[in-house]
Amino acid sequence: METFVWTLHIIVAAAIVILVLLQQGKGADMGASFGGGSSGSLFGASGSANFLSRMTAIAAATFFISSLTLTYFSGTAPKDQSVMQKISAESAELDDNSDKNNEIPQPVDDAASRAGQIPE
């Protein structure tokens, strides 16, 4: 389910970007009023503003709902332990292993090792 919501979220985000880029700015109506724009367009005489703005609103609402759904999924996911607990457990495990493998040999206290010492 979460994978589906992630996929929907990414598709809707891309759709919002495309829909916003397709829309005309507010200054574009000024040129059309002086005869620069064509009234016969792909979306009819009223233009594409109404269709694109409705599609953008629908995509924005879907994006908002999918964001809330993903937030819900991330908050209710079962977690064994926190990130800091995982890091401290891993570092403790590494410390235990490194102590066993990297032990410094202690000097042997016998007559052979004391042979080079200066007597007191």
N, C-alpha and C. Protein backbone atom coordinates (compact mmCIF):
# COMPACT_ATOMS: atom_id res chain seq x y z
N MET A 1 0.83 -1.20 0.00
CA MET A 1 0.00 0.00 0.00
C MET A 1 0.86 1.25 0.00
N GLU A 2 1.93 1.21 0.81
CA GLU A 2 2.79 2.38 0.88
C GLU A 2 3.51 2.62 -0.45
N THR A 3 3.87 1.57 -1.13
CA THR A 3 4.52 1.72 -2.44
C THR A 3 3.57 2.36 -3.44
N PHE A 4 2.31 1.97 -3.39
CA PHE A 4 1.31 2.59 -4.27
C PHE A 4 1.17 4.07 -4.00
N VAL A 5 1.13 4.46 -2.73
CA VAL A 5 0.98 5.87 -2.37
C VAL A 5 2.23 6.66 -2.79
N TRP A 6 3.42 6.06 -2.63
CA TRP A 6 4.65 6.72 -3.09
C TRP A 6 4.60 6.94 -4.60
N THR A 7 4.17 5.94 -5.34
CA THR A 7 4.10 6.06 -6.80
C THR A 7 3.11 7.14 -7.20
N LEU A 8 1.94 7.12 -6.59
CA LEU A 8 0.93 8.15 -6.86
C LEU A 8 1.46 9.53 -6.51
N HIS A 9 2.15 9.66 -5.40
CA HIS A 9 2.69 10.94 -4.94
C HIS A 9 3.68 11.51 -5.97
N ILE A 10 4.56 10.68 -6.48
CA ILE A 10 5.56 11.14 -7.45
C ILE A 10 4.90 11.52 -8.78
N ILE A 11 3.93 10.73 -9.22
CA ILE A 11 3.24 11.03 -10.47
C ILE A 11 2.47 12.34 -10.35
N VAL A 12 1.79 12.53 -9.24
CA VAL A 12 1.01 13.76 -9.04
C VAL A 12 1.93 14.97 -8.94
N ALA A 13 3.09 14.81 -8.30
CA ALA A 13 4.05 15.92 -8.21
C ALA A 13 4.52 16.34 -9.59
N ALA A 14 4.82 15.36 -10.44
CA ALA A 14 5.22 15.68 -11.81
C ALA A 14 4.07 16.33 -12.58
N ALA A 15 2.85 15.86 -12.36
CA ALA A 15 1.69 16.45 -13.04
C ALA A 15 1.47 17.90 -12.61
N ILE A 16 1.69 18.19 -11.34
CA ILE A 16 1.53 19.58 -10.87
C ILE A 16 2.55 20.48 -11.56
N VAL A 17 3.78 20.02 -11.66
CA VAL A 17 4.81 20.82 -12.33
C VAL A 17 4.42 21.08 -13.78
N ILE A 18 3.97 20.06 -14.48
CA ILE A 18 3.59 20.21 -15.88
C ILE A 18 2.39 21.13 -16.02
N LEU A 19 1.37 20.96 -15.17
CA LEU A 19 0.17 21.79 -15.26
C LEU A 19 0.47 23.26 -14.96
N VAL A 20 1.34 23.51 -14.01
CA VAL A 20 1.68 24.91 -13.70
C VAL A 20 2.46 25.54 -14.85
N LEU A 21 3.35 24.76 -15.46
CA LEU A 21 4.12 25.32 -16.58
C LEU A 21 3.26 25.54 -17.82
N LEU A 22 2.18 24.79 -17.98
CA LEU A 22 1.30 24.97 -19.14
C LEU A 22 0.40 26.20 -19.02
N GLN A 23 0.17 26.66 -17.81
CA GLN A 23 -0.76 27.78 -17.62
C GLN A 23 -0.11 29.09 -18.04
N GLN A 24 -0.95 29.98 -18.52
CA GLN A 24 -0.49 31.31 -18.91
C GLN A 24 -0.44 32.21 -17.69
N GLY A 25 0.46 33.16 -17.74
CA GLY A 25 0.54 34.13 -16.66
C GLY A 25 -0.59 35.15 -16.75
N LYS A 26 -0.70 36.00 -15.73
CA LYS A 26 -1.77 37.00 -15.74
C LYS A 26 -1.55 38.05 -16.81
N GLY A 27 -0.33 38.29 -17.19
CA GLY A 27 -0.03 39.29 -18.22
C GLY A 27 -0.36 38.83 -19.62
N ALA A 28 -0.60 37.56 -19.82
CA ALA A 28 -0.89 37.04 -21.16
C ALA A 28 -2.26 37.48 -21.65
N ASP A 29 -3.20 37.78 -20.75
CA ASP A 29 -4.54 38.21 -21.16
C ASP A 29 -4.52 39.60 -21.79
N MET A 30 -3.56 40.41 -21.41
CA MET A 30 -3.47 41.76 -21.95
C MET A 30 -3.16 41.72 -23.44
N GLY A 31 -2.26 40.83 -23.86
CA GLY A 31 -1.94 40.72 -25.28
C GLY A 31 -3.11 40.17 -26.08
N ALA A 32 -3.86 39.28 -25.49
CA ALA A 32 -5.00 38.69 -26.20
C ALA A 32 -6.11 39.71 -26.40
N SER A 33 -6.23 40.68 -25.51
CA SER A 33 -7.30 41.67 -25.63
C SER A 33 -7.04 42.64 -26.78
N PHE A 34 -5.80 42.79 -27.21
CA PHE A 34 -5.48 43.68 -28.33
C PHE A 34 -5.38 42.92 -29.65
N GLY A 35 -5.84 41.69 -29.67
CA GLY A 35 -5.86 40.94 -30.92
C GLY A 35 -4.69 39.99 -31.10
N GLY A 36 -3.86 39.87 -30.11
CA GLY A 36 -2.69 39.01 -30.23
C GLY A 36 -3.02 37.54 -30.02
N GLY A 37 -4.07 37.24 -29.32
CA GLY A 37 -4.41 35.85 -29.02
C GLY A 37 -5.44 35.31 -29.99
N SER A 38 -5.47 34.02 -30.12
CA SER A 38 -6.46 33.41 -31.00
C SER A 38 -7.60 32.86 -30.16
N SER A 39 -8.80 33.08 -30.61
CA SER A 39 -9.95 32.61 -29.84
C SER A 39 -10.22 31.14 -30.08
N GLY A 40 -9.82 30.62 -31.22
CA GLY A 40 -10.03 29.20 -31.48
C GLY A 40 -8.82 28.40 -31.00
N SER A 41 -8.96 27.76 -29.89
CA SER A 41 -7.83 27.02 -29.35
C SER A 41 -8.25 25.57 -29.12
N LEU A 42 -7.33 24.81 -28.60
CA LEU A 42 -7.56 23.39 -28.34
C LEU A 42 -8.67 23.17 -27.31
N PHE A 43 -8.77 24.05 -26.32
CA PHE A 43 -9.73 23.88 -25.23
C PHE A 43 -11.02 24.67 -25.45
N GLY A 44 -11.20 25.29 -26.60
CA GLY A 44 -12.42 26.02 -26.88
C GLY A 44 -12.19 27.52 -26.82
N ALA A 45 -13.25 28.28 -27.00
CA ALA A 45 -13.16 29.73 -27.06
C ALA A 45 -12.83 30.33 -25.70
N SER A 46 -13.23 29.69 -24.62
CA SER A 46 -12.95 30.25 -23.30
C SER A 46 -11.49 30.11 -22.92
N GLY A 47 -10.76 29.30 -23.65
CA GLY A 47 -9.34 29.14 -23.38
C GLY A 47 -9.08 27.97 -22.44
N SER A 48 -7.81 27.78 -22.16
CA SER A 48 -7.42 26.64 -21.35
C SER A 48 -7.34 26.96 -19.87
N ALA A 49 -7.57 28.20 -19.50
CA ALA A 49 -7.38 28.61 -18.10
C ALA A 49 -8.31 27.85 -17.16
N ASN A 50 -9.56 27.70 -17.54
CA ASN A 50 -10.52 27.04 -16.67
C ASN A 50 -10.18 25.56 -16.51
N PHE A 51 -9.88 24.87 -17.60
CA PHE A 51 -9.54 23.44 -17.56
C PHE A 51 -8.25 23.21 -16.78
N LEU A 52 -7.21 23.96 -17.09
CA LEU A 52 -5.92 23.76 -16.44
C LEU A 52 -5.97 24.13 -14.96
N SER A 53 -6.72 25.16 -14.62
CA SER A 53 -6.80 25.54 -13.20
C SER A 53 -7.56 24.49 -12.39
N ARG A 54 -8.59 23.89 -12.99
CA ARG A 54 -9.31 22.82 -12.28
C ARG A 54 -8.44 21.58 -12.13
N MET A 55 -7.71 21.23 -13.19
CA MET A 55 -6.82 20.07 -13.11
C MET A 55 -5.71 20.30 -12.09
N THR A 56 -5.20 21.53 -12.01
CA THR A 56 -4.16 21.84 -11.03
C THR A 56 -4.72 21.73 -9.61
N ALA A 57 -5.95 22.19 -9.41
CA ALA A 57 -6.57 22.09 -8.09
C ALA A 57 -6.79 20.63 -7.69
N ILE A 58 -7.21 19.81 -8.63
CA ILE A 58 -7.41 18.38 -8.34
C ILE A 58 -6.07 17.71 -8.03
N ALA A 59 -5.04 18.04 -8.82
CA ALA A 59 -3.72 17.46 -8.58
C ALA A 59 -3.16 17.92 -7.24
N ALA A 60 -3.38 19.18 -6.89
CA ALA A 60 -2.89 19.69 -5.60
C ALA A 60 -3.59 19.01 -4.43
N ALA A 61 -4.90 18.79 -4.55
CA ALA A 61 -5.64 18.09 -3.49
C ALA A 61 -5.16 16.65 -3.36
N THR A 62 -4.92 15.99 -4.49
CA THR A 62 -4.40 14.62 -4.45
C THR A 62 -3.01 14.57 -3.83
N PHE A 63 -2.16 15.55 -4.17
CA PHE A 63 -0.82 15.62 -3.60
C PHE A 63 -0.88 15.83 -2.09
N PHE A 64 -1.78 16.68 -1.64
CA PHE A 64 -1.95 16.95 -0.22
C PHE A 64 -2.40 15.69 0.52
N ILE A 65 -3.36 14.97 -0.03
CA ILE A 65 -3.87 13.75 0.61
C ILE A 65 -2.79 12.67 0.63
N SER A 66 -2.04 12.54 -0.47
CA SER A 66 -0.99 11.52 -0.48
C SER A 66 0.14 11.88 0.49
N SER A 67 0.41 13.18 0.67
CA SER A 67 1.41 13.60 1.66
C SER A 67 0.97 13.24 3.07
N LEU A 68 -0.30 13.48 3.38
CA LEU A 68 -0.81 13.12 4.70
C LEU A 68 -0.81 11.60 4.91
N THR A 69 -1.11 10.85 3.85
CA THR A 69 -1.10 9.40 3.96
C THR A 69 0.31 8.88 4.21
N LEU A 70 1.29 9.43 3.51
CA LEU A 70 2.67 9.02 3.73
C LEU A 70 3.15 9.39 5.13
N THR A 71 2.70 10.52 5.64
CA THR A 71 3.04 10.91 7.00
C THR A 71 2.44 9.93 8.00
N TYR A 72 1.22 9.50 7.75
CA TYR A 72 0.58 8.51 8.61
C TYR A 72 1.35 7.20 8.60
N PHE A 73 1.75 6.75 7.40
CA PHE A 73 2.50 5.50 7.29
C PHE A 73 3.83 5.58 8.02
N SER A 74 4.51 6.71 7.92
CA SER A 74 5.82 6.82 8.58
C SER A 74 5.67 6.90 10.10
N GLY A 75 4.56 7.41 10.58
CA GLY A 75 4.36 7.52 12.02
C GLY A 75 3.87 6.23 12.66
N THR A 76 3.24 5.36 11.89
CA THR A 76 2.70 4.14 12.47
C THR A 76 3.53 2.90 12.15
N ALA A 77 4.65 3.08 11.46
CA ALA A 77 5.49 1.93 11.12
C ALA A 77 6.13 1.39 12.40
N PRO A 78 6.10 0.07 12.58
CA PRO A 78 6.71 -0.50 13.79
C PRO A 78 8.22 -0.34 13.75
N LYS A 79 8.76 0.18 14.84
CA LYS A 79 10.19 0.39 14.93
C LYS A 79 10.71 -0.37 16.14
N ASP A 80 11.76 -1.15 15.93
CA ASP A 80 12.33 -1.92 17.02
C ASP A 80 13.05 -1.02 18.01
N GLN A 81 13.83 -0.11 17.48
CA GLN A 81 14.59 0.80 18.33
C GLN A 81 14.91 2.05 17.53
N SER A 82 15.34 3.08 18.24
CA SER A 82 15.64 4.33 17.56
C SER A 82 16.97 4.23 16.83
N VAL A 83 17.24 5.22 16.02
CA VAL A 83 18.48 5.24 15.26
C VAL A 83 19.68 5.32 16.19
N MET A 84 19.58 6.12 17.24
CA MET A 84 20.70 6.26 18.18
C MET A 84 20.96 4.95 18.93
N GLN A 85 19.90 4.23 19.25
CA GLN A 85 20.09 2.94 19.92
C GLN A 85 20.77 1.94 18.98
N LYS A 86 20.41 1.97 17.70
CA LYS A 86 21.06 1.09 16.74
C LYS A 86 22.53 1.43 16.61
N ILE A 87 22.85 2.71 16.55
CA ILE A 87 24.25 3.13 16.39
C ILE A 87 25.06 2.74 17.62
N SER A 88 24.51 2.98 18.82
CA SER A 88 25.25 2.65 20.03
C SER A 88 25.42 1.13 20.17
N ALA A 89 24.44 0.35 19.74
CA ALA A 89 24.57 -1.11 19.80
C ALA A 89 25.63 -1.59 18.82
N GLU A 90 25.67 -1.01 17.64
CA GLU A 90 26.67 -1.40 16.66
C GLU A 90 28.07 -1.01 17.12
N SER A 91 28.23 0.19 17.70
CA SER A 91 29.55 0.61 18.15
C SER A 91 30.01 -0.23 19.34
N ALA A 92 29.09 -0.63 20.22
CA ALA A 92 29.46 -1.50 21.34
C ALA A 92 29.90 -2.86 20.84
N GLU A 93 29.22 -3.36 19.82
CA GLU A 93 29.59 -4.64 19.24
C GLU A 93 30.96 -4.56 18.58
N LEU A 94 31.22 -3.45 17.90
CA LEU A 94 32.53 -3.27 17.27
C LEU A 94 33.63 -3.16 18.33
N ASP A 95 33.34 -2.46 19.43
CA ASP A 95 34.32 -2.33 20.50
C ASP A 95 34.64 -3.68 21.13
N ASP A 96 33.64 -4.52 21.33
CA ASP A 96 33.85 -5.84 21.90
C ASP A 96 34.73 -6.70 20.98
N ASN A 97 34.46 -6.64 19.70
CA ASN A 97 35.24 -7.43 18.75
C ASN A 97 36.66 -6.91 18.62
N SER A 98 36.84 -5.60 18.65
CA SER A 98 38.17 -5.06 18.48
C SER A 98 39.04 -5.33 19.71
N ASP A 99 38.45 -5.40 20.92
CA ASP A 99 39.22 -5.70 22.12
C ASP A 99 39.75 -7.13 22.08
N LYS A 100 38.96 -8.05 21.55
CA LYS A 100 39.39 -9.45 21.49
C LYS A 100 40.47 -9.66 20.45
N ASN A 101 40.37 -8.96 19.33
CA ASN A 101 41.30 -9.17 18.23
C ASN A 101 42.59 -8.36 18.37
N ASN A 102 42.53 -7.26 19.07
CA ASN A 102 43.68 -6.36 19.15
C ASN A 102 44.24 -6.26 20.56
N GLU A 103 44.28 -7.36 21.29
CA GLU A 103 44.81 -7.31 22.66
C GLU A 103 46.32 -7.13 22.61
N ILE A 104 46.82 -6.28 23.48
CA ILE A 104 48.25 -6.05 23.58
C ILE A 104 48.82 -7.10 24.52
N PRO A 105 49.82 -7.82 24.07
CA PRO A 105 50.37 -8.86 24.95
C PRO A 105 51.07 -8.22 26.15
N GLN A 106 50.82 -8.78 27.31
CA GLN A 106 51.43 -8.29 28.55
C GLN A 106 52.82 -8.93 28.70
N PRO A 107 53.77 -8.18 29.24
CA PRO A 107 55.11 -8.75 29.43
C PRO A 107 55.09 -9.85 30.48
N VAL A 108 55.89 -10.83 30.22
CA VAL A 108 56.00 -11.95 31.14
C VAL A 108 57.01 -11.58 32.22
N ASP A 109 56.65 -11.80 33.48
CA ASP A 109 57.54 -11.44 34.59
C ASP A 109 58.25 -12.70 35.09
N ASP A 110 59.36 -13.01 34.47
CA ASP A 110 60.15 -14.17 34.92
C ASP A 110 61.63 -13.80 34.85
N ALA A 111 62.46 -14.72 35.14
CA ALA A 111 63.89 -14.46 35.22
C ALA A 111 64.47 -14.14 33.86
N ALA A 112 63.94 -14.74 32.80
CA ALA A 112 64.49 -14.50 31.47
C ALA A 112 64.17 -13.09 31.02
N SER A 113 63.02 -12.58 31.40
CA SER A 113 62.66 -11.21 30.98
C SER A 113 63.39 -10.19 31.84
N ARG A 114 63.81 -10.57 33.04
CA ARG A 114 64.53 -9.64 33.92
C ARG A 114 66.04 -9.68 33.69
N ALA A 115 66.47 -10.44 32.77
CA ALA A 115 67.91 -10.61 32.56
C ALA A 115 68.56 -9.31 32.10
N GLY A 116 67.86 -8.51 31.38
CA GLY A 116 68.44 -7.26 30.88
C GLY A 116 68.25 -6.08 31.81
N GLN A 117 67.60 -6.27 32.94
CA GLN A 117 67.33 -5.14 33.85
C GLN A 117 68.56 -4.83 34.70
N ILE A 118 68.66 -3.58 35.09
CA ILE A 118 69.73 -3.13 35.97
C ILE A 118 69.33 -3.45 37.41
N PRO A 119 70.19 -4.09 38.15
CA PRO A 119 69.82 -4.41 39.53
C PRO A 119 69.72 -3.15 40.39
N GLU A 120 68.93 -3.18 41.38
CA GLU A 120 68.73 -2.02 42.26
C GLU A 120 69.77 -1.93 43.33
